[in-house]
PDB file of N, CA and C in Angstrom:
ATOM      1  N   MET A   1      -9.058   7.619 -32.575  1.00  0.00           N
ATOM      2  CA  MET A   1      -7.767   8.239 -32.371  1.00  0.00           C
ATOM      3  C   MET A   1      -7.425   8.223 -30.883  1.00  0.00           C
ATOM      4  N   SER A   2      -6.247   7.742 -30.542  1.00  0.00           N
ATOM      5  CA  SER A   2      -5.872   7.653 -29.134  1.00  0.00           C
ATOM      6  C   SER A   2      -5.515   9.031 -28.578  1.00  0.00           C
ATOM      7  N   ILE A   3      -5.630   9.138 -27.265  1.00  0.00           N
ATOM      8  CA  ILE A   3      -5.360  10.375 -26.545  1.00  0.00           C
ATOM      9  C   ILE A   3      -4.281  10.087 -25.516  1.00  0.00           C
ATOM     10  N   SER A   4      -3.239  10.919 -25.485  1.00  0.00           N
ATOM     11  CA  SER A   4      -2.185  10.800 -24.478  1.00  0.00           C
ATOM     12  C   SER A   4      -2.256  12.006 -23.561  1.00  0.00           C
ATOM     13  N   LEU A   5      -2.092  11.751 -22.274  1.00  0.00           N
ATOM     14  CA  LEU A   5      -2.227  12.799 -21.268  1.00  0.00           C
ATOM     15  C   LEU A   5      -1.089  12.744 -20.262  1.00  0.00           C
ATOM     16  N   CYS A   6      -0.765  13.901 -19.724  1.00  0.00           N
ATOM     17  CA  CYS A   6       0.144  14.010 -18.592  1.00  0.00           C
ATOM     18  C   CYS A   6      -0.644  14.649 -17.466  1.00  0.00           C
ATOM     19  N   CYS A   7      -0.561  14.064 -16.297  1.00  0.00           N
ATOM     20  CA  CYS A   7      -1.284  14.564 -15.133  1.00  0.00           C
ATOM     21  C   CYS A   7      -0.276  14.880 -14.031  1.00  0.00           C
ATOM     22  N   LEU A   8      -0.347  16.105 -13.520  1.00  0.00           N
ATOM     23  CA  LEU A   8       0.494  16.544 -12.407  1.00  0.00           C
ATOM     24  C   LEU A   8      -0.395  16.706 -11.186  1.00  0.00           C
ATOM     25  N   LEU A   9       0.040  16.174 -10.053  1.00  0.00           N
ATOM     26  CA  LEU A   9      -0.765  16.177  -8.833  1.00  0.00           C
ATOM     27  C   LEU A   9       0.025  16.699  -7.643  1.00  0.00           C
ATOM     28  N   TRP A  10      -0.561  17.650  -6.944  1.00  0.00           N
ATOM     29  CA  TRP A  10       0.028  18.211  -5.741  1.00  0.00           C
ATOM     30  C   TRP A  10      -0.776  17.738  -4.544  1.00  0.00           C
ATOM     31  N   ALA A  11      -0.095  17.298  -3.498  1.00  0.00           N
ATOM     32  CA  ALA A  11      -0.769  16.826  -2.282  1.00  0.00           C
ATOM     33  C   ALA A  11      -1.033  17.988  -1.334  1.00  0.00           C
ATOM     34  N   ARG A  12      -2.097  17.857  -0.576  1.00  0.00           N
ATOM     35  CA  ARG A  12      -2.332  18.799   0.519  1.00  0.00           C
ATOM     36  C   ARG A  12      -1.247  18.568   1.577  1.00  0.00           C
ATOM     37  N   PRO A  13      -0.945  19.562   2.389  1.00  0.00           N
ATOM     38  CA  PRO A  13       0.076  19.390   3.430  1.00  0.00           C
ATOM     39  C   PRO A  13      -0.193  18.156   4.287  1.00  0.00           C
ATOM     40  N   GLY A  14       0.832  17.335   4.442  1.00  0.00           N
ATOM     41  CA  GLY A  14       0.729  16.130   5.255  1.00  0.00           C
ATOM     42  C   GLY A  14      -0.018  14.982   4.599  1.00  0.00           C
ATOM     43  N   GLN A  15      -0.372  15.105   3.320  1.00  0.00           N
ATOM     44  CA  GLN A  15      -1.187  14.086   2.661  1.00  0.00           C
ATOM     45  C   GLN A  15      -0.470  13.369   1.513  1.00  0.00           C
ATOM     46  N   HIS A  16       0.863  13.339   1.545  1.00  0.00           N
ATOM     47  CA  HIS A  16       1.598  12.644   0.479  1.00  0.00           C
ATOM     48  C   HIS A  16       1.157  11.195   0.355  1.00  0.00           C
ATOM     49  N   GLU A  17       1.132  10.481   1.457  1.00  0.00           N
ATOM     50  CA  GLU A  17       0.744   9.065   1.425  1.00  0.00           C
ATOM     51  C   GLU A  17      -0.724   8.905   1.035  1.00  0.00           C
ATOM     52  N   GLY A  18      -1.568   9.819   1.468  1.00  0.00           N
ATOM     53  CA  GLY A  18      -2.975   9.771   1.110  1.00  0.00           C
ATOM     54  C   GLY A  18      -3.192   9.953  -0.378  1.00  0.00           C
ATOM     55  N   LEU A  19      -2.454  10.884  -0.989  1.00  0.00           N
ATOM     56  CA  LEU A  19      -2.568  11.089  -2.437  1.00  0.00           C
ATOM     57  C   LEU A  19      -2.137   9.834  -3.175  1.00  0.00           C
ATOM     58  N   ILE A  20      -1.030   9.242  -2.767  1.00  0.00           N
ATOM     59  CA  ILE A  20      -0.540   8.033  -3.426  1.00  0.00           C
ATOM     60  C   ILE A  20      -1.563   6.906  -3.303  1.00  0.00           C
ATOM     61  N   ALA A  21      -2.140   6.735  -2.130  1.00  0.00           N
ATOM     62  CA  ALA A  21      -3.148   5.675  -1.920  1.00  0.00           C
ATOM     63  C   ALA A  21      -4.382   5.933  -2.780  1.00  0.00           C
ATOM     64  N   TYR A  22      -4.827   7.175  -2.838  1.00  0.00           N
ATOM     65  CA  TYR A  22      -5.986   7.509  -3.669  1.00  0.00           C
ATOM     66  C   TYR A  22      -5.690   7.188  -5.126  1.00  0.00           C
ATOM     67  N   GLU A  23      -4.541   7.612  -5.626  1.00  0.00           N
ATOM     68  CA  GLU A  23      -4.188   7.357  -7.015  1.00  0.00           C
ATOM     69  C   GLU A  23      -4.047   5.861  -7.293  1.00  0.00           C
ATOM     70  N   ASP A  24      -3.506   5.105  -6.350  1.00  0.00           N
ATOM     71  CA  ASP A  24      -3.440   3.648  -6.511  1.00  0.00           C
ATOM     72  C   ASP A  24      -4.836   3.099  -6.809  1.00  0.00           C
ATOM     73  N   ARG A  25      -5.817   3.579  -6.096  1.00  0.00           N
ATOM     74  CA  ARG A  25      -7.192   3.076  -6.250  1.00  0.00           C
ATOM     75  C   ARG A  25      -7.799   3.468  -7.588  1.00  0.00           C
ATOM     76  N   VAL A  26      -7.718   4.755  -7.945  1.00  0.00           N
ATOM     77  CA  VAL A  26      -8.407   5.186  -9.163  1.00  0.00           C
ATOM     78  C   VAL A  26      -7.678   4.759 -10.430  1.00  0.00           C
ATOM     79  N   LEU A  27      -6.362   4.633 -10.372  1.00  0.00           N
ATOM     80  CA  LEU A  27      -5.634   4.217 -11.574  1.00  0.00           C
ATOM     81  C   LEU A  27      -5.880   2.751 -11.910  1.00  0.00           C
ATOM     82  N   GLU A  28      -6.337   1.965 -10.951  1.00  0.00           N
ATOM     83  CA  GLU A  28      -6.716   0.578 -11.242  1.00  0.00           C
ATOM     84  C   GLU A  28      -7.873   0.514 -12.229  1.00  0.00           C
ATOM     85  N   LEU A  29      -8.653   1.573 -12.326  1.00  0.00           N
ATOM     86  CA  LEU A  29      -9.825   1.606 -13.204  1.00  0.00           C
ATOM     87  C   LEU A  29      -9.489   1.955 -14.647  1.00  0.00           C
ATOM     88  N   VAL A  30      -8.310   2.501 -14.874  1.00  0.00           N
ATOM     89  CA  VAL A  30      -7.947   2.998 -16.210  1.00  0.00           C
ATOM     90  C   VAL A  30      -8.079   1.916 -17.273  1.00  0.00           C
ATOM     91  N   SER A  31      -7.536   0.741 -17.027  1.00  0.00           N
ATOM     92  CA  SER A  31      -7.535  -0.315 -18.042  1.00  0.00           C
ATOM     93  C   SER A  31      -8.946  -0.780 -18.397  1.00  0.00           C
ATOM     94  N   GLU A  32      -9.876  -0.661 -17.465  1.00  0.00           N
ATOM     95  CA  GLU A  32     -11.263  -1.050 -17.740  1.00  0.00           C
ATOM     96  C   GLU A  32     -11.931  -0.114 -18.747  1.00  0.00           C
ATOM     97  N   HIS A  33     -11.290   1.020 -18.997  1.00  0.00           N
ATOM     98  CA  HIS A  33     -11.864   2.020 -19.898  1.00  0.00           C
ATOM     99  C   HIS A  33     -10.979   2.241 -21.132  1.00  0.00           C
ATOM    100  N   GLY A  34     -10.227   1.231 -21.512  1.00  0.00           N
ATOM    101  CA  GLY A  34      -9.405   1.338 -22.714  1.00  0.00           C
ATOM    102  C   GLY A  34      -8.201   2.240 -22.548  1.00  0.00           C
ATOM    103  N   GLY A  35      -7.718   2.361 -21.330  1.00  0.00           N
ATOM    104  CA  GLY A  35      -6.555   3.201 -21.075  1.00  0.00           C
ATOM    105  C   GLY A  35      -5.373   2.407 -20.553  1.00  0.00           C
ATOM    106  N   ARG A  36      -4.214   3.050 -20.571  1.00  0.00           N
ATOM    107  CA  ARG A  36      -2.990   2.437 -20.020  1.00  0.00           C
ATOM    108  C   ARG A  36      -2.189   3.515 -19.307  1.00  0.00           C
ATOM    109  N   VAL A  37      -1.727   3.191 -18.112  1.00  0.00           N
ATOM    110  CA  VAL A  37      -0.801   4.066 -17.398  1.00  0.00           C
ATOM    111  C   VAL A  37       0.585   3.720 -17.925  1.00  0.00           C
ATOM    112  N   LEU A  38       1.212   4.663 -18.621  1.00  0.00           N
ATOM    113  CA  LEU A  38       2.524   4.415 -19.218  1.00  0.00           C
ATOM    114  C   LEU A  38       3.657   4.689 -18.248  1.00  0.00           C
ATOM    115  N   GLN A  39       3.481   5.686 -17.413  1.00  0.00           N
ATOM    116  CA  GLN A  39       4.538   6.058 -16.468  1.00  0.00           C
ATOM    117  C   GLN A  39       3.906   6.746 -15.276  1.00  0.00           C
ATOM    118  N   ARG A  40       4.482   6.478 -14.132  1.00  0.00           N
ATOM    119  CA  ARG A  40       4.034   7.105 -12.894  1.00  0.00           C
ATOM    120  C   ARG A  40       5.282   7.382 -12.086  1.00  0.00           C
ATOM    121  N   GLY A  41       5.547   8.657 -11.832  1.00  0.00           N
ATOM    122  CA  GLY A  41       6.748   9.027 -11.088  1.00  0.00           C
ATOM    123  C   GLY A  41       6.414  10.003  -9.981  1.00  0.00           C
ATOM    124  N   ARG A  42       7.370  10.179  -9.065  1.00  0.00           N
ATOM    125  CA  ARG A  42       7.158  11.077  -7.926  1.00  0.00           C
ATOM    126  C   ARG A  42       8.372  11.947  -7.681  1.00  0.00           C
ATOM    127  N   THR A  43       8.103  13.127  -7.162  1.00  0.00           N
ATOM    128  CA  THR A  43       9.139  13.997  -6.641  1.00  0.00           C
ATOM    129  C   THR A  43       8.997  13.960  -5.124  1.00  0.00           C
ATOM    130  N   ASP A  44       9.741  14.805  -4.429  1.00  0.00           N
ATOM    131  CA  ASP A  44       9.533  14.891  -2.985  1.00  0.00           C
ATOM    132  C   ASP A  44       8.410  15.868  -2.649  1.00  0.00           C
ATOM    133  N   GLY A  45       7.838  16.500  -3.681  1.00  0.00           N
ATOM    134  CA  GLY A  45       6.713  17.398  -3.469  1.00  0.00           C
ATOM    135  C   GLY A  45       7.093  18.726  -2.835  1.00  0.00           C
ATOM    136  N   SER A  46       8.386  19.021  -2.762  1.00  0.00           N
ATOM    137  CA  SER A  46       8.802  20.267  -2.112  1.00  0.00           C
ATOM    138  C   SER A  46       8.631  21.461  -3.040  1.00  0.00           C
ATOM    139  N   GLY A  47       8.622  22.629  -2.428  1.00  0.00           N
ATOM    140  CA  GLY A  47       8.460  23.849  -3.213  1.00  0.00           C
ATOM    141  C   GLY A  47       7.141  23.821  -3.954  1.00  0.00           C
ATOM    142  N   ASP A  48       7.192  24.159  -5.220  1.00  0.00           N
ATOM    143  CA  ASP A  48       5.973  24.157  -6.034  1.00  0.00           C
ATOM    144  C   ASP A  48       5.927  22.948  -6.969  1.00  0.00           C
ATOM    145  N   GLN A  49       6.699  21.910  -6.639  1.00  0.00           N
ATOM    146  CA  GLN A  49       6.713  20.713  -7.474  1.00  0.00           C
ATOM    147  C   GLN A  49       5.489  19.844  -7.205  1.00  0.00           C
ATOM    148  N   PRO A  50       4.956  19.222  -8.254  1.00  0.00           N
ATOM    149  CA  PRO A  50       3.911  18.225  -8.002  1.00  0.00           C
ATOM    150  C   PRO A  50       4.524  17.021  -7.300  1.00  0.00           C
ATOM    151  N   LEU A  51       3.739  16.345  -6.501  1.00  0.00           N
ATOM    152  CA  LEU A  51       4.204  15.114  -5.860  1.00  0.00           C
ATOM    153  C   LEU A  51       4.253  13.985  -6.874  1.00  0.00           C
ATOM    154  N   GLU A  52       3.225  13.910  -7.734  1.00  0.00           N
ATOM    155  CA  GLU A  52       3.134  12.780  -8.654  1.00  0.00           C
ATOM    156  C   GLU A  52       2.934  13.271 -10.077  1.00  0.00           C
ATOM    157  N   ILE A  53       3.601  12.575 -11.006  1.00  0.00           N
ATOM    158  CA  ILE A  53       3.492  12.836 -12.436  1.00  0.00           C
ATOM    159  C   ILE A  53       3.080  11.536 -13.094  1.00  0.00           C
ATOM    160  N   GLN A  54       2.016  11.600 -13.912  1.00  0.00           N
ATOM    161  CA  GLN A  54       1.517  10.405 -14.590  1.00  0.00           C
ATOM    162  C   GLN A  54       1.414  10.685 -16.088  1.00  0.00           C
ATOM    163  N   VAL A  55       1.719   9.660 -16.876  1.00  0.00           N
ATOM    164  CA  VAL A  55       1.508   9.728 -18.317  1.00  0.00           C
ATOM    165  C   VAL A  55       0.665   8.516 -18.677  1.00  0.00           C
ATOM    166  N   PHE A  56      -0.436   8.757 -19.382  1.00  0.00           N
ATOM    167  CA  PHE A  56      -1.289   7.652 -19.773  1.00  0.00           C
ATOM    168  C   PHE A  56      -1.946   7.915 -21.116  1.00  0.00           C
ATOM    169  N   THR A  57      -2.511   6.859 -21.688  1.00  0.00           N
ATOM    170  CA  THR A  57      -3.213   6.960 -22.965  1.00  0.00           C
ATOM    171  C   THR A  57      -4.587   6.316 -22.830  1.00  0.00           C
ATOM    172  N   PHE A  58      -5.494   6.796 -23.668  1.00  0.00           N
ATOM    173  CA  PHE A  58      -6.815   6.200 -23.806  1.00  0.00           C
ATOM    174  C   PHE A  58      -7.076   5.979 -25.280  1.00  0.00           C
ATOM    175  N   GLU A  59      -7.841   4.955 -25.605  1.00  0.00           N
ATOM    176  CA  GLU A  59      -8.133   4.614 -26.997  1.00  0.00           C
ATOM    177  C   GLU A  59      -8.877   5.726 -27.724  1.00  0.00           C
ATOM    178  N   SER A  60      -9.663   6.516 -26.981  1.00  0.00           N
ATOM    179  CA  SER A  60     -10.490   7.547 -27.604  1.00  0.00           C
ATOM    180  C   SER A  60     -10.978   8.522 -26.535  1.00  0.00           C
ATOM    181  N   GLN A  61     -11.575   9.602 -26.984  1.00  0.00           N
ATOM    182  CA  GLN A  61     -12.165  10.556 -26.037  1.00  0.00           C
ATOM    183  C   GLN A  61     -13.300   9.901 -25.260  1.00  0.00           C
ATOM    184  N   SER A  62     -14.068   9.049 -25.910  1.00  0.00           N
ATOM    185  CA  SER A  62     -15.171   8.395 -25.193  1.00  0.00           C
ATOM    186  C   SER A  62     -14.632   7.437 -24.121  1.00  0.00           C
ATOM    187  N   ALA A  63     -13.491   6.811 -24.365  1.00  0.00           N
ATOM    188  CA  ALA A  63     -12.869   5.951 -23.348  1.00  0.00           C
ATOM    189  C   ALA A  63     -12.429   6.789 -22.148  1.00  0.00           C
ATOM    190  N   LEU A  64     -11.803   7.940 -22.415  1.00  0.00           N
ATOM    191  CA  LEU A  64     -11.401   8.848 -21.337  1.00  0.00           C
ATOM    192  C   LEU A  64     -12.631   9.336 -20.572  1.00  0.00           C
ATOM    193  N   ASP A  65     -13.668   9.715 -21.296  1.00  0.00           N
ATOM    194  CA  ASP A  65     -14.898  10.174 -20.648  1.00  0.00           C
ATOM    195  C   ASP A  65     -15.478   9.077 -19.752  1.00  0.00           C
ATOM    196  N   GLY A  66     -15.417   7.829 -20.213  1.00  0.00           N
ATOM    197  CA  GLY A  66     -15.905   6.715 -19.410  1.00  0.00           C
ATOM    198  C   GLY A  66     -15.144   6.588 -18.104  1.00  0.00           C
ATOM    199  N   TYR A  67     -13.835   6.764 -18.160  1.00  0.00           N
ATOM    200  CA  TYR A  67     -13.015   6.712 -16.942  1.00  0.00           C
ATOM    201  C   TYR A  67     -13.360   7.882 -16.019  1.00  0.00           C
ATOM    202  N   MET A  68     -13.415   9.076 -16.572  1.00  0.00           N
ATOM    203  CA  MET A  68     -13.675  10.264 -15.762  1.00  0.00           C
ATOM    204  C   MET A  68     -15.050  10.195 -15.085  1.00  0.00           C
ATOM    205  N   ASN A  69     -15.998   9.528 -15.725  1.00  0.00           N
ATOM    206  CA  ASN A  69     -17.356   9.447 -15.197  1.00  0.00           C
ATOM    207  C   ASN A  69     -17.668   8.118 -14.512  1.00  0.00           C
ATOM    208  N   ASP A  70     -16.654   7.289 -14.319  1.00  0.00           N
ATOM    209  CA  ASP A  70     -16.850   6.003 -13.644  1.00  0.00           C
ATOM    210  C   ASP A  70     -17.395   6.265 -12.234  1.00  0.00           C
ATOM    211  N   GLU A  71     -18.501   5.623 -11.906  1.00  0.00           N
ATOM    212  CA  GLU A  71     -19.147   5.843 -10.609  1.00  0.00           C
ATOM    213  C   GLU A  71     -18.233   5.508  -9.439  1.00  0.00           C
ATOM    214  N   ARG A  72     -17.375   4.506  -9.593  1.00  0.00           N
ATOM    215  CA  ARG A  72     -16.456   4.141  -8.505  1.00  0.00           C
ATOM    216  C   ARG A  72     -15.441   5.260  -8.274  1.00  0.00           C
ATOM    217  N   ARG A  73     -14.968   5.874  -9.348  1.00  0.00           N
ATOM    218  CA  ARG A  73     -14.034   6.996  -9.239  1.00  0.00           C
ATOM    219  C   ARG A  73     -14.727   8.206  -8.613  1.00  0.00           C
ATOM    220  N   LEU A  74     -15.924   8.512  -9.085  1.00  0.00           N
ATOM    221  CA  LEU A  74     -16.672   9.657  -8.572  1.00  0.00           C
ATOM    222  C   LEU A  74     -17.040   9.487  -7.102  1.00  0.00           C
ATOM    223  N   ALA A  75     -17.248   8.249  -6.677  1.00  0.00           N
ATOM    224  CA  ALA A  75     -17.589   7.982  -5.280  1.00  0.00           C
ATOM    225  C   ALA A  75     -16.439   8.330  -4.338  1.00  0.00           C
ATOM    226  N   LEU A  76     -15.242   8.471  -4.862  1.00  0.00           N
ATOM    227  CA  LEU A  76     -14.073   8.793  -4.046  1.00  0.00           C
ATOM    228  C   LEU A  76     -13.764  10.292  -4.034  1.00  0.00           C
ATOM    229  N   ALA A  77     -14.710  11.112  -4.491  1.00  0.00           N
ATOM    230  CA  ALA A  77     -14.478  12.559  -4.591  1.00  0.00           C
ATOM    231  C   ALA A  77     -14.102  13.186  -3.247  1.00  0.00           C
ATOM    232  N   ASP A  78     -14.741  12.772  -2.165  1.00  0.00           N
ATOM    233  CA  ASP A  78     -14.411  13.336  -0.853  1.00  0.00           C
ATOM    234  C   ASP A  78     -12.976  13.015  -0.461  1.00  0.00           C
ATOM    235  N   GLU A  79     -12.566  11.775  -0.725  1.00  0.00           N
ATOM    236  CA  GLU A  79     -11.181  11.393  -0.424  1.00  0.00           C
ATOM    237  C   GLU A  79     -10.216  12.221  -1.269  1.00  0.00           C
ATOM    238  N   ARG A  80     -10.540  12.365  -2.542  1.00  0.00           N
ATOM    239  CA  ARG A  80      -9.688  13.153  -3.434  1.00  0.00           C
ATOM    240  C   ARG A  80      -9.557  14.585  -2.925  1.00  0.00           C
ATOM    241  N   ASP A  81     -10.669  15.195  -2.565  1.00  0.00           N
ATOM    242  CA  ASP A  81     -10.641  16.570  -2.069  1.00  0.00           C
ATOM    243  C   ASP A  81      -9.826  16.702  -0.788  1.00  0.00           C
ATOM    244  N   ARG A  82      -9.796  15.643   0.003  1.00  0.00           N
ATOM    245  CA  ARG A  82      -9.055  15.653   1.267  1.00  0.00           C
ATOM    246  C   ARG A  82      -7.545  15.587   1.051  1.00  0.00           C
ATOM    247  N   VAL A  83      -7.097  14.899  -0.013  1.00  0.00           N
ATOM    248  CA  VAL A  83      -5.662  14.651  -0.181  1.00  0.00           C
ATOM    249  C   VAL A  83      -5.007  15.400  -1.336  1.00  0.00           C
ATOM    250  N   VAL A  84      -5.782  15.797  -2.340  1.00  0.00           N
ATOM    251  CA  VAL A  84      -5.226  16.445  -3.530  1.00  0.00           C
ATOM    252  C   VAL A  84      -5.482  17.944  -3.457  1.00  0.00           C
ATOM    253  N   ALA A  85      -4.404  18.718  -3.492  1.00  0.00           N
ATOM    254  CA  ALA A  85      -4.523  20.174  -3.442  1.00  0.00           C
ATOM    255  C   ALA A  85      -4.738  20.764  -4.826  1.00  0.00           C
ATOM    256  N   ARG A  86      -4.105  20.160  -5.828  1.00  0.00           N
ATOM    257  CA  ARG A  86      -4.135  20.732  -7.173  1.00  0.00           C
ATOM    258  C   ARG A  86      -3.838  19.651  -8.191  1.00  0.00           C
ATOM    259  N   THR A  87      -4.486  19.768  -9.354  1.00  0.00           N
ATOM    260  CA  THR A  87      -4.270  18.840 -10.466  1.00  0.00           C
ATOM    261  C   THR A  87      -4.131  19.644 -11.744  1.00  0.00           C
ATOM    262  N   GLU A  88      -3.157  19.285 -12.563  1.00  0.00           N
ATOM    263  CA  GLU A  88      -3.053  19.842 -13.911  1.00  0.00           C
ATOM    264  C   GLU A  88      -3.035  18.670 -14.875  1.00  0.00           C
ATOM    265  N   LEU A  89      -3.924  18.718 -15.859  1.00  0.00           N
ATOM    266  CA  LEU A  89      -4.045  17.666 -16.856  1.00  0.00           C
ATOM    267  C   LEU A  89      -3.840  18.286 -18.221  1.00  0.00           C
ATOM    268  N   MET A  90      -2.933  17.716 -18.999  1.00  0.00           N
ATOM    269  CA  MET A  90      -2.664  18.271 -20.325  1.00  0.00           C
ATOM    270  C   MET A  90      -2.537  17.169 -21.349  1.00  0.00           C
ATOM    271  N   HIS A  91      -3.026  17.462 -22.552  1.00  0.00           N
ATOM    272  CA  HIS A  91      -2.844  16.554 -23.676  1.00  0.00           C
ATOM    273  C   HIS A  91      -1.398  16.681 -24.143  1.00  0.00           C
ATOM    274  N   VAL A  92      -0.771  15.550 -24.446  1.00  0.00           N
ATOM    275  CA  VAL A  92       0.615  15.549 -24.905  1.00  0.00           C
ATOM    276  C   VAL A  92       0.763  14.644 -26.129  1.00  0.00           C
ATOM    277  N   THR A  93       1.834  14.868 -26.859  1.00  0.00           N
ATOM    278  CA  THR A  93       2.211  13.993 -27.971  1.00  0.00           C
ATOM    279  C   THR A  93       3.404  13.191 -27.489  1.00  0.00           C
ATOM    280  N   LEU A  94       3.315  11.881 -27.596  1.00  0.00           N
ATOM    281  CA  LEU A  94       4.401  11.008 -27.148  1.00  0.00           C
ATOM    282  C   LEU A  94       5.314  10.700 -28.315  1.00  0.00           C
ATOM    283  N   ASN A  95       6.598  10.772 -28.058  1.00  0.00           N
ATOM    284  CA  ASN A  95       7.592  10.439 -29.076  1.00  0.00           C
ATOM    285  C   ASN A  95       8.042   8.998 -28.871  1.00  0.00           C
ATOM    286  N   GLU A  96       8.173   8.270 -29.942  1.00  0.00           N
ATOM    287  CA  GLU A  96       8.649   6.887 -29.886  1.00  0.00           C
ATOM    288  C   GLU A  96      10.146   6.872 -29.620  1.00  0.00           C
ATOM    289  N   GLY A  97      10.576   5.855 -28.862  1.00  0.00           N
ATOM    290  CA  GLY A  97      12.001   5.616 -28.677  1.00  0.00           C
ATOM    291  C   GLY A  97      12.565   6.381 -27.604  1.00  0.00           C
TER     292      GLY A  97
END
């Protein structure tokens, strides 16, 4: 059973470009784990808005777990901590059309 997720990301002050660069790197790994990035959008990050909004799917929970535990992704934890202030990840149901 496939899993669809929405991820909201807030950048640390002054780290908008750093968050985008970090996400560019880790999202390249999604397809290697049976996932697809369906949409990636940005706000200006002002107020309490997330800077980046992502919607993606994985073929299964084990595929998602494989991505989350990918050693290349985990090796970037220090960079992530430096640029990402907050993350919210939620399971969603996608509507066709």
